[in-house]
N, C-alpha and C. Protein backbone atom coordinates (compact mmCIF):
# COMPACT_ATOMS: atom_id res chain seq x y z
N MET A 1 -4.77 19.38 -30.90
CA MET A 1 -5.15 19.17 -29.51
C MET A 1 -6.54 18.55 -29.47
N ASP A 2 -6.70 17.50 -28.65
CA ASP A 2 -7.98 16.82 -28.52
C ASP A 2 -8.87 17.64 -27.61
N THR A 3 -9.96 18.16 -28.14
CA THR A 3 -10.83 19.00 -27.34
C THR A 3 -11.77 18.19 -26.46
N ASN A 4 -11.86 16.89 -26.67
CA ASN A 4 -12.70 16.05 -25.82
C ASN A 4 -12.02 15.67 -24.51
N LYS A 5 -10.72 15.81 -24.46
CA LYS A 5 -9.97 15.45 -23.27
C LYS A 5 -9.85 16.67 -22.36
N PRO A 6 -10.02 16.48 -21.04
CA PRO A 6 -9.84 17.62 -20.13
C PRO A 6 -8.41 18.12 -20.17
N GLN A 7 -8.24 19.41 -19.97
CA GLN A 7 -6.91 20.02 -19.98
C GLN A 7 -6.01 19.39 -18.91
N ASN A 8 -6.52 19.27 -17.69
CA ASN A 8 -5.74 18.69 -16.60
C ASN A 8 -6.35 17.35 -16.26
N GLU A 9 -5.75 16.27 -16.73
CA GLU A 9 -6.34 14.95 -16.59
C GLU A 9 -5.83 14.21 -15.35
N HIS A 10 -5.21 14.88 -14.42
CA HIS A 10 -4.68 14.24 -13.23
C HIS A 10 -3.78 13.07 -13.59
N ASN A 11 -2.83 13.32 -14.48
CA ASN A 11 -1.97 12.25 -14.97
C ASN A 11 -0.71 12.08 -14.13
N GLY A 12 -0.55 12.85 -13.09
CA GLY A 12 0.58 12.67 -12.20
C GLY A 12 1.86 13.39 -12.58
N GLY A 13 1.88 14.05 -13.71
CA GLY A 13 3.06 14.79 -14.11
C GLY A 13 3.97 14.00 -15.02
N ILE A 14 5.06 14.66 -15.42
CA ILE A 14 5.96 14.07 -16.41
C ILE A 14 6.65 12.81 -15.89
N PHE A 15 7.04 12.80 -14.61
CA PHE A 15 7.70 11.62 -14.05
C PHE A 15 6.80 10.39 -14.18
N VAL A 16 5.54 10.55 -13.81
CA VAL A 16 4.59 9.44 -13.88
C VAL A 16 4.38 8.99 -15.32
N ARG A 17 4.24 9.93 -16.23
CA ARG A 17 4.04 9.58 -17.64
C ARG A 17 5.25 8.83 -18.20
N VAL A 18 6.45 9.27 -17.86
CA VAL A 18 7.66 8.62 -18.35
C VAL A 18 7.78 7.21 -17.78
N VAL A 19 7.57 7.06 -16.49
CA VAL A 19 7.68 5.73 -15.87
C VAL A 19 6.63 4.79 -16.45
N ASN A 20 5.40 5.27 -16.62
CA ASN A 20 4.36 4.43 -17.21
C ASN A 20 4.70 4.03 -18.64
N LYS A 21 5.30 4.93 -19.39
CA LYS A 21 5.71 4.61 -20.76
C LYS A 21 6.79 3.52 -20.75
N VAL A 22 7.75 3.63 -19.85
CA VAL A 22 8.81 2.63 -19.73
C VAL A 22 8.20 1.27 -19.34
N ILE A 23 7.29 1.28 -18.38
CA ILE A 23 6.62 0.04 -17.97
C ILE A 23 5.91 -0.59 -19.16
N ASP A 24 5.18 0.22 -19.91
CA ASP A 24 4.43 -0.29 -21.07
C ASP A 24 5.36 -0.88 -22.13
N VAL A 25 6.47 -0.21 -22.40
CA VAL A 25 7.42 -0.69 -23.41
C VAL A 25 8.04 -2.02 -22.97
N VAL A 26 8.46 -2.10 -21.71
CA VAL A 26 9.08 -3.33 -21.20
C VAL A 26 8.08 -4.48 -21.22
N LEU A 27 6.86 -4.24 -20.74
CA LEU A 27 5.86 -5.31 -20.72
C LEU A 27 5.47 -5.75 -22.13
N LYS A 28 5.41 -4.80 -23.06
CA LYS A 28 5.09 -5.16 -24.43
C LYS A 28 6.21 -6.04 -25.02
N ALA A 29 7.45 -5.67 -24.77
CA ALA A 29 8.59 -6.44 -25.28
C ALA A 29 8.60 -7.86 -24.70
N LEU A 30 8.12 -7.99 -23.48
CA LEU A 30 8.08 -9.30 -22.82
C LEU A 30 6.76 -10.04 -23.05
N HIS A 31 5.89 -9.43 -23.84
CA HIS A 31 4.56 -10.00 -24.13
C HIS A 31 3.76 -10.23 -22.86
N LEU A 32 3.83 -9.28 -21.95
CA LEU A 32 3.13 -9.38 -20.67
C LEU A 32 2.13 -8.24 -20.45
N THR A 33 1.77 -7.56 -21.51
CA THR A 33 0.90 -6.39 -21.40
C THR A 33 -0.41 -6.71 -20.70
N LYS A 34 -0.97 -7.88 -20.95
CA LYS A 34 -2.28 -8.18 -20.36
C LYS A 34 -2.20 -8.40 -18.84
N TYR A 35 -0.99 -8.56 -18.31
CA TYR A 35 -0.81 -8.73 -16.87
C TYR A 35 -0.23 -7.47 -16.22
N ARG A 36 -0.33 -6.34 -16.91
CA ARG A 36 0.28 -5.09 -16.45
C ARG A 36 -0.12 -4.77 -15.01
N GLU A 37 -1.40 -4.77 -14.73
CA GLU A 37 -1.88 -4.37 -13.41
C GLU A 37 -1.28 -5.24 -12.31
N GLN A 38 -1.30 -6.53 -12.49
CA GLN A 38 -0.79 -7.44 -11.47
C GLN A 38 0.73 -7.32 -11.30
N ILE A 39 1.44 -7.21 -12.41
CA ILE A 39 2.90 -7.09 -12.34
C ILE A 39 3.31 -5.78 -11.67
N VAL A 40 2.69 -4.69 -12.09
CA VAL A 40 3.04 -3.39 -11.49
C VAL A 40 2.59 -3.35 -10.03
N TYR A 41 1.45 -3.99 -9.72
CA TYR A 41 1.01 -4.04 -8.32
C TYR A 41 2.08 -4.72 -7.46
N LEU A 42 2.64 -5.81 -7.96
CA LEU A 42 3.69 -6.49 -7.19
C LEU A 42 4.91 -5.58 -7.00
N GLY A 43 5.27 -4.84 -8.05
CA GLY A 43 6.39 -3.90 -7.93
C GLY A 43 6.11 -2.79 -6.94
N VAL A 44 4.92 -2.20 -7.06
CA VAL A 44 4.53 -1.14 -6.13
C VAL A 44 4.41 -1.71 -4.72
N GLY A 45 3.87 -2.91 -4.62
CA GLY A 45 3.77 -3.57 -3.32
C GLY A 45 5.14 -3.80 -2.71
N GLY A 46 6.10 -4.15 -3.55
CA GLY A 46 7.47 -4.30 -3.07
C GLY A 46 8.02 -2.98 -2.53
N GLY A 47 7.78 -1.90 -3.28
CA GLY A 47 8.22 -0.57 -2.82
C GLY A 47 7.52 -0.16 -1.55
N THR A 48 6.23 -0.44 -1.47
CA THR A 48 5.46 -0.12 -0.27
C THR A 48 5.98 -0.92 0.92
N THR A 49 6.28 -2.18 0.68
CA THR A 49 6.81 -3.04 1.73
C THR A 49 8.16 -2.51 2.22
N VAL A 50 9.00 -2.07 1.30
CA VAL A 50 10.30 -1.51 1.70
C VAL A 50 10.09 -0.27 2.57
N VAL A 51 9.19 0.62 2.16
CA VAL A 51 8.90 1.82 2.97
C VAL A 51 8.44 1.38 4.36
N ASP A 52 7.49 0.45 4.40
CA ASP A 52 6.96 -0.04 5.67
C ASP A 52 8.05 -0.64 6.54
N TRP A 53 8.84 -1.53 5.98
CA TRP A 53 9.86 -2.23 6.75
C TRP A 53 10.95 -1.28 7.25
N VAL A 54 11.37 -0.35 6.41
CA VAL A 54 12.43 0.58 6.81
C VAL A 54 11.97 1.47 7.95
N VAL A 55 10.76 2.04 7.82
CA VAL A 55 10.24 2.90 8.89
C VAL A 55 10.07 2.08 10.17
N PHE A 56 9.49 0.88 10.04
CA PHE A 56 9.31 0.02 11.22
C PHE A 56 10.66 -0.30 11.87
N ALA A 57 11.63 -0.73 11.07
CA ALA A 57 12.93 -1.13 11.62
C ALA A 57 13.63 0.04 12.31
N LEU A 58 13.56 1.21 11.69
CA LEU A 58 14.19 2.39 12.30
C LEU A 58 13.55 2.72 13.65
N LEU A 59 12.22 2.75 13.68
CA LEU A 59 11.55 3.08 14.94
C LEU A 59 11.69 1.96 15.97
N TYR A 60 11.67 0.73 15.51
CA TYR A 60 11.86 -0.40 16.41
C TYR A 60 13.23 -0.31 17.09
N ALA A 61 14.24 0.10 16.32
CA ALA A 61 15.60 0.21 16.85
C ALA A 61 15.79 1.47 17.71
N LEU A 62 15.10 2.55 17.35
CA LEU A 62 15.35 3.84 18.00
C LEU A 62 14.46 4.14 19.20
N LEU A 63 13.25 3.63 19.20
CA LEU A 63 12.33 3.95 20.30
C LEU A 63 12.65 3.11 21.54
N PRO A 64 12.41 3.69 22.71
CA PRO A 64 12.63 2.90 23.93
C PRO A 64 11.56 1.82 24.08
N ASP A 65 11.86 0.81 24.89
CA ASP A 65 10.90 -0.26 25.17
C ASP A 65 9.79 0.30 26.05
N LEU A 66 8.56 0.27 25.56
CA LEU A 66 7.42 0.79 26.30
C LEU A 66 6.51 -0.33 26.81
N SER A 67 6.97 -1.55 26.74
CA SER A 67 6.12 -2.70 27.08
C SER A 67 5.72 -2.74 28.55
N HIS A 68 6.34 -1.94 29.39
CA HIS A 68 5.97 -1.89 30.80
C HIS A 68 4.77 -0.96 31.04
N LEU A 69 4.35 -0.22 30.02
CA LEU A 69 3.23 0.71 30.14
C LEU A 69 1.92 0.06 29.70
N PRO A 70 0.80 0.54 30.29
CA PRO A 70 -0.50 0.02 29.82
C PRO A 70 -0.63 0.22 28.31
N PHE A 71 -1.38 -0.60 27.66
CA PHE A 71 -1.57 -0.67 26.21
C PHE A 71 -0.34 -1.26 25.54
N PHE A 72 0.83 -0.73 25.82
CA PHE A 72 2.05 -1.23 25.18
C PHE A 72 2.48 -2.59 25.71
N ASN A 73 1.96 -2.98 26.88
CA ASN A 73 2.25 -4.34 27.36
C ASN A 73 1.50 -5.37 26.52
N VAL A 74 0.40 -4.94 25.87
CA VAL A 74 -0.36 -5.82 24.98
C VAL A 74 0.09 -5.64 23.53
N PHE A 75 0.34 -4.39 23.14
CA PHE A 75 0.78 -4.05 21.78
C PHE A 75 2.12 -3.32 21.85
N PRO A 76 3.20 -4.04 22.11
CA PRO A 76 4.49 -3.40 22.35
C PRO A 76 5.04 -2.62 21.16
N ASN A 77 4.58 -2.93 19.96
CA ASN A 77 5.11 -2.27 18.77
C ASN A 77 4.08 -1.40 18.07
N ALA A 78 3.11 -0.90 18.80
CA ALA A 78 2.03 -0.12 18.20
C ALA A 78 2.56 1.15 17.51
N ILE A 79 3.52 1.80 18.10
CA ILE A 79 4.05 3.04 17.49
C ILE A 79 4.82 2.73 16.20
N PRO A 80 5.78 1.81 16.21
CA PRO A 80 6.46 1.50 14.95
C PRO A 80 5.51 0.96 13.88
N TYR A 81 4.56 0.10 14.27
CA TYR A 81 3.59 -0.43 13.30
C TYR A 81 2.79 0.70 12.67
N THR A 82 2.28 1.59 13.51
CA THR A 82 1.40 2.66 13.03
C THR A 82 2.15 3.66 12.16
N ALA A 83 3.33 4.06 12.57
CA ALA A 83 4.12 5.00 11.77
C ALA A 83 4.53 4.39 10.44
N ALA A 84 4.95 3.13 10.48
CA ALA A 84 5.33 2.44 9.24
C ALA A 84 4.12 2.29 8.33
N TRP A 85 2.99 1.98 8.92
CA TRP A 85 1.74 1.86 8.17
C TRP A 85 1.39 3.19 7.48
N ALA A 86 1.48 4.29 8.21
CA ALA A 86 1.12 5.60 7.65
C ALA A 86 2.04 5.97 6.48
N ALA A 87 3.32 5.76 6.63
CA ALA A 87 4.26 6.06 5.54
C ALA A 87 3.97 5.18 4.33
N ALA A 88 3.71 3.90 4.58
CA ALA A 88 3.43 2.97 3.49
C ALA A 88 2.12 3.32 2.79
N VAL A 89 1.12 3.73 3.53
CA VAL A 89 -0.18 4.09 2.94
C VAL A 89 -0.03 5.28 2.00
N LEU A 90 0.69 6.28 2.42
CA LEU A 90 0.88 7.46 1.56
C LEU A 90 1.60 7.09 0.27
N PHE A 91 2.66 6.30 0.38
CA PHE A 91 3.37 5.86 -0.82
C PHE A 91 2.48 4.98 -1.68
N ALA A 92 1.79 4.03 -1.07
CA ALA A 92 0.96 3.07 -1.81
C ALA A 92 -0.19 3.76 -2.54
N TYR A 93 -0.79 4.76 -1.92
CA TYR A 93 -1.89 5.46 -2.59
C TYR A 93 -1.39 6.14 -3.86
N TRP A 94 -0.31 6.90 -3.72
CA TRP A 94 0.24 7.61 -4.87
C TRP A 94 0.64 6.63 -5.97
N ALA A 95 1.38 5.60 -5.61
CA ALA A 95 1.88 4.65 -6.61
C ALA A 95 0.74 3.83 -7.22
N SER A 96 -0.22 3.44 -6.42
CA SER A 96 -1.35 2.66 -6.94
C SER A 96 -2.19 3.50 -7.90
N LYS A 97 -2.42 4.74 -7.53
CA LYS A 97 -3.24 5.62 -8.36
C LYS A 97 -2.61 5.88 -9.71
N TYR A 98 -1.31 6.09 -9.74
CA TYR A 98 -0.66 6.52 -10.98
C TYR A 98 0.07 5.41 -11.75
N PHE A 99 0.34 4.28 -11.12
CA PHE A 99 1.08 3.23 -11.82
C PHE A 99 0.31 1.92 -11.96
N VAL A 100 -0.46 1.55 -10.94
CA VAL A 100 -1.14 0.25 -10.97
C VAL A 100 -2.50 0.35 -11.63
N PHE A 101 -3.36 1.15 -11.07
CA PHE A 101 -4.75 1.23 -11.53
C PHE A 101 -4.92 2.42 -12.46
N VAL A 102 -4.16 2.41 -13.55
CA VAL A 102 -4.15 3.54 -14.48
C VAL A 102 -5.47 3.70 -15.23
N ASP A 103 -6.27 2.64 -15.30
CA ASP A 103 -7.56 2.73 -15.98
C ASP A 103 -8.69 3.13 -15.04
N ALA A 104 -8.37 3.35 -13.77
CA ALA A 104 -9.39 3.72 -12.80
C ALA A 104 -9.73 5.20 -12.93
N GLU A 105 -10.88 5.54 -12.42
CA GLU A 105 -11.27 6.94 -12.40
C GLU A 105 -10.30 7.71 -11.50
N LYS A 106 -9.91 8.88 -11.95
CA LYS A 106 -9.05 9.75 -11.16
C LYS A 106 -9.95 10.81 -10.53
N THR A 107 -10.41 10.52 -9.32
CA THR A 107 -11.35 11.44 -8.68
C THR A 107 -10.64 12.70 -8.24
N LYS A 108 -11.40 13.79 -8.27
CA LYS A 108 -10.83 15.08 -7.91
C LYS A 108 -10.89 15.33 -6.41
N GLY A 109 -11.85 14.73 -5.73
CA GLY A 109 -12.00 14.93 -4.30
C GLY A 109 -11.13 13.99 -3.49
N ILE A 110 -11.41 13.97 -2.21
CA ILE A 110 -10.63 13.12 -1.33
C ILE A 110 -11.32 11.79 -1.04
N SER A 111 -12.48 11.55 -1.66
CA SER A 111 -13.23 10.33 -1.35
C SER A 111 -12.43 9.08 -1.69
N GLN A 112 -11.72 9.09 -2.80
CA GLN A 112 -10.92 7.92 -3.18
C GLN A 112 -9.81 7.69 -2.15
N PHE A 113 -9.15 8.76 -1.75
CA PHE A 113 -8.09 8.65 -0.74
C PHE A 113 -8.66 8.13 0.58
N LEU A 114 -9.81 8.62 0.98
CA LEU A 114 -10.42 8.17 2.23
C LEU A 114 -10.82 6.69 2.16
N ARG A 115 -11.32 6.24 1.02
CA ARG A 115 -11.63 4.81 0.85
C ARG A 115 -10.34 3.99 0.94
N PHE A 116 -9.29 4.51 0.33
CA PHE A 116 -7.99 3.82 0.38
C PHE A 116 -7.50 3.71 1.82
N VAL A 117 -7.54 4.82 2.54
CA VAL A 117 -7.08 4.82 3.93
C VAL A 117 -7.95 3.89 4.78
N ALA A 118 -9.26 3.91 4.57
CA ALA A 118 -10.15 3.03 5.34
C ALA A 118 -9.82 1.56 5.10
N SER A 119 -9.52 1.22 3.86
CA SER A 119 -9.16 -0.18 3.58
C SER A 119 -7.84 -0.54 4.24
N ARG A 120 -6.95 0.42 4.34
CA ARG A 120 -5.66 0.18 4.98
C ARG A 120 -5.79 0.17 6.51
N VAL A 121 -6.74 0.92 7.05
CA VAL A 121 -6.99 0.86 8.49
C VAL A 121 -7.39 -0.57 8.86
N PHE A 122 -8.20 -1.18 8.02
CA PHE A 122 -8.60 -2.56 8.25
C PHE A 122 -7.37 -3.47 8.34
N THR A 123 -6.43 -3.34 7.41
CA THR A 123 -5.25 -4.21 7.45
C THR A 123 -4.32 -3.85 8.61
N LEU A 124 -4.30 -2.58 9.01
CA LEU A 124 -3.53 -2.21 10.21
C LEU A 124 -4.10 -2.91 11.43
N LEU A 125 -5.41 -2.84 11.60
CA LEU A 125 -6.06 -3.49 12.74
C LEU A 125 -5.85 -5.01 12.68
N LEU A 126 -5.91 -5.54 11.48
CA LEU A 126 -5.66 -6.98 11.31
C LEU A 126 -4.24 -7.33 11.76
N CYS A 127 -3.26 -6.51 11.41
CA CYS A 127 -1.88 -6.78 11.82
C CYS A 127 -1.68 -6.60 13.32
N LEU A 128 -2.34 -5.61 13.90
CA LEU A 128 -2.24 -5.44 15.35
C LEU A 128 -2.87 -6.65 16.06
N GLY A 129 -4.00 -7.13 15.54
CA GLY A 129 -4.62 -8.32 16.10
C GLY A 129 -3.74 -9.55 15.91
N THR A 130 -3.12 -9.63 14.75
CA THR A 130 -2.20 -10.74 14.46
C THR A 130 -1.02 -10.69 15.41
N GLU A 131 -0.51 -9.47 15.64
CA GLU A 131 0.61 -9.33 16.58
C GLU A 131 0.19 -9.77 17.98
N PHE A 132 -1.00 -9.37 18.40
CA PHE A 132 -1.47 -9.76 19.73
C PHE A 132 -1.51 -11.29 19.87
N VAL A 133 -2.10 -11.95 18.88
CA VAL A 133 -2.23 -13.40 18.94
C VAL A 133 -0.86 -14.08 18.90
N PHE A 134 -0.05 -13.72 17.90
CA PHE A 134 1.21 -14.44 17.69
C PHE A 134 2.31 -14.02 18.66
N VAL A 135 2.44 -12.72 18.95
CA VAL A 135 3.53 -12.25 19.80
C VAL A 135 3.16 -12.36 21.27
N THR A 136 2.00 -11.79 21.65
CA THR A 136 1.64 -11.75 23.06
C THR A 136 1.18 -13.11 23.58
N LEU A 137 0.32 -13.78 22.83
CA LEU A 137 -0.23 -15.05 23.32
C LEU A 137 0.65 -16.25 22.99
N LEU A 138 1.18 -16.30 21.76
CA LEU A 138 1.94 -17.47 21.33
C LEU A 138 3.46 -17.29 21.42
N HIS A 139 3.91 -16.07 21.72
CA HIS A 139 5.33 -15.74 21.91
C HIS A 139 6.19 -16.01 20.67
N VAL A 140 5.64 -15.74 19.50
CA VAL A 140 6.39 -15.82 18.25
C VAL A 140 7.18 -14.51 18.12
N ASN A 141 8.35 -14.58 17.55
CA ASN A 141 9.19 -13.39 17.35
C ASN A 141 8.43 -12.32 16.56
N GLU A 142 8.43 -11.10 17.08
CA GLU A 142 7.65 -10.01 16.45
C GLU A 142 8.12 -9.66 15.04
N LEU A 143 9.39 -9.87 14.75
CA LEU A 143 9.87 -9.57 13.41
C LEU A 143 9.36 -10.61 12.40
N ILE A 144 9.24 -11.85 12.81
CA ILE A 144 8.65 -12.86 11.93
C ILE A 144 7.18 -12.54 11.66
N VAL A 145 6.48 -12.15 12.71
CA VAL A 145 5.07 -11.79 12.56
C VAL A 145 4.93 -10.60 11.61
N LYS A 146 5.74 -9.58 11.82
CA LYS A 146 5.67 -8.36 11.00
C LYS A 146 6.07 -8.64 9.56
N TYR A 147 7.20 -9.29 9.38
CA TYR A 147 7.76 -9.40 8.03
C TYR A 147 7.25 -10.58 7.22
N VAL A 148 6.61 -11.55 7.85
CA VAL A 148 6.10 -12.69 7.09
C VAL A 148 4.58 -12.73 7.11
N ILE A 149 4.01 -12.93 8.27
CA ILE A 149 2.56 -13.14 8.37
C ILE A 149 1.79 -11.90 7.94
N CYS A 150 2.12 -10.74 8.50
CA CYS A 150 1.38 -9.52 8.16
C CYS A 150 1.62 -9.09 6.71
N THR A 151 2.79 -9.31 6.20
CA THR A 151 3.08 -8.94 4.82
C THR A 151 2.21 -9.73 3.85
N VAL A 152 2.09 -11.03 4.05
CA VAL A 152 1.26 -11.85 3.17
C VAL A 152 -0.20 -11.43 3.25
N LEU A 153 -0.70 -11.25 4.47
CA LEU A 153 -2.08 -10.80 4.64
C LEU A 153 -2.31 -9.46 3.95
N ASN A 154 -1.38 -8.53 4.12
CA ASN A 154 -1.51 -7.20 3.52
C ASN A 154 -1.54 -7.25 2.00
N ILE A 155 -0.67 -8.02 1.39
CA ILE A 155 -0.61 -8.07 -0.07
C ILE A 155 -1.95 -8.50 -0.65
N VAL A 156 -2.48 -9.58 -0.12
CA VAL A 156 -3.74 -10.12 -0.65
C VAL A 156 -4.91 -9.19 -0.39
N ILE A 157 -5.09 -8.78 0.85
CA ILE A 157 -6.25 -7.95 1.20
C ILE A 157 -6.16 -6.57 0.56
N ASN A 158 -4.99 -5.98 0.53
CA ASN A 158 -4.85 -4.65 -0.06
C ASN A 158 -5.13 -4.65 -1.56
N TYR A 159 -4.70 -5.68 -2.27
CA TYR A 159 -4.98 -5.74 -3.70
C TYR A 159 -6.49 -5.84 -3.94
N LEU A 160 -7.13 -6.73 -3.21
CA LEU A 160 -8.57 -6.92 -3.40
C LEU A 160 -9.36 -5.66 -3.06
N THR A 161 -9.05 -5.01 -1.95
CA THR A 161 -9.80 -3.81 -1.59
C THR A 161 -9.50 -2.66 -2.56
N SER A 162 -8.25 -2.55 -3.00
CA SER A 162 -7.92 -1.48 -3.96
C SER A 162 -8.67 -1.68 -5.27
N LYS A 163 -8.66 -2.88 -5.77
CA LYS A 163 -9.28 -3.16 -7.06
C LYS A 163 -10.80 -3.05 -7.00
N LEU A 164 -11.40 -3.58 -5.94
CA LEU A 164 -12.85 -3.66 -5.87
C LEU A 164 -13.53 -2.45 -5.24
N LEU A 165 -12.85 -1.76 -4.33
CA LEU A 165 -13.50 -0.68 -3.59
C LEU A 165 -12.94 0.72 -3.86
N VAL A 166 -11.67 0.81 -4.15
CA VAL A 166 -11.03 2.13 -4.24
C VAL A 166 -10.83 2.61 -5.66
N PHE A 167 -10.12 1.83 -6.46
CA PHE A 167 -9.76 2.24 -7.81
C PHE A 167 -10.66 1.54 -8.84
N LYS A 168 -11.89 1.95 -8.85
CA LYS A 168 -12.86 1.34 -9.77
C LYS A 168 -12.56 1.78 -11.19
N LYS A 169 -12.82 0.89 -12.12
CA LYS A 169 -12.59 1.19 -13.55
C LYS A 169 -13.49 2.33 -13.99
N LYS A 170 -13.00 3.07 -14.99
CA LYS A 170 -13.81 4.11 -15.60
C LYS A 170 -15.01 3.47 -16.28
N LYS A 171 -16.14 4.12 -16.17
CA LYS A 171 -17.32 3.61 -16.85
C LYS A 171 -17.20 3.87 -18.33
N GLU A 172 -17.61 2.87 -19.13
CA GLU A 172 -17.57 3.04 -20.57
C GLU A 172 -18.58 4.08 -21.01
N ASP A 173 -18.23 4.88 -22.00
CA ASP A 173 -19.14 5.92 -22.47
C ASP A 173 -20.28 5.33 -23.28
């Protein structure tokens, strides 16, 4: 047993270790190990997008039209956007922490999670603003705005904020 390693290293459990091992083996076989972070980020981003889209689509289909009410006449999809965002953020934090940014510090407190949520609040506000401009002012279909424009903005901005602000690399000893 390595006595220099902490007993509980916040490794995410056996499921996370097994999945990471499979990812490493596949990427090594494909000679793509040096692009691990970017490739896994795209996979996790795909999963996050699916969570976001499914929650949004379900609420969009199930909730009544509230566009006749104040606030909702400007942001008719605020509830589906926000609920989908929240579900996606929870999934993305867990998956990013344990699969994408595996070399980042695993903080014990909630500061990392709060930085992650703050960066995602920015992209939520960006998407609500994008919806206002494209749907309310320009009358573009809200599903195109949600599934194309906001998705592209989210992928780029979320990767940059996660890498630079949230999941910082461990400092060398």
